[in-house]
Structures are given as C-alpha cells and as structure tokens.
C-alpha cells in the first residue's frame, strides 16, 4: 500500500467517526430521560425486590443445608 492509499484510509476513518458522532448527537436530542421521581421509584422497587429474593434464597439455602446435614448424620 502506498502513502496516498494509507492517507485515504485515515480520512475515511475520520469521516466515518464524524458521521457516527453526528448520528449519536441526533439520537441523544430525541431521547427522553426519566424524571428524578421515576428514577427514585424504580430504584426503590429494585432494592426491595433484591432484599425479598435474598431472603428467599437464604431460607432455601438454610433449609437445604439442614436437610443435607440430617442425611449425612443419618448415614453415619
């Protein structure tokens, strides 16, 4: 490849990057972001759900631990 071809390749990359960034700017202008109230509400739901699932998994894990422990003690 010659120097001219390499320079053309760089310009193509720069033009592609410029087009991409222009498209990104256009998409961001059309994007609607949630309000602070919506973010707080959904975050609260997620945190509560995580605690509920954590408690459920802790109960199941504790139950299975005791069942397996009982089986091993029974077997000797």
Foldseek 3Di string as FASTA:
>chain_A
DDPVVVVVVVVVVVVVVVVVVVVVVVVVVVDDDDDPVVVVVVVVVVVVVVVVVVVVVVVVVVVVVVVVVVVVVVVD
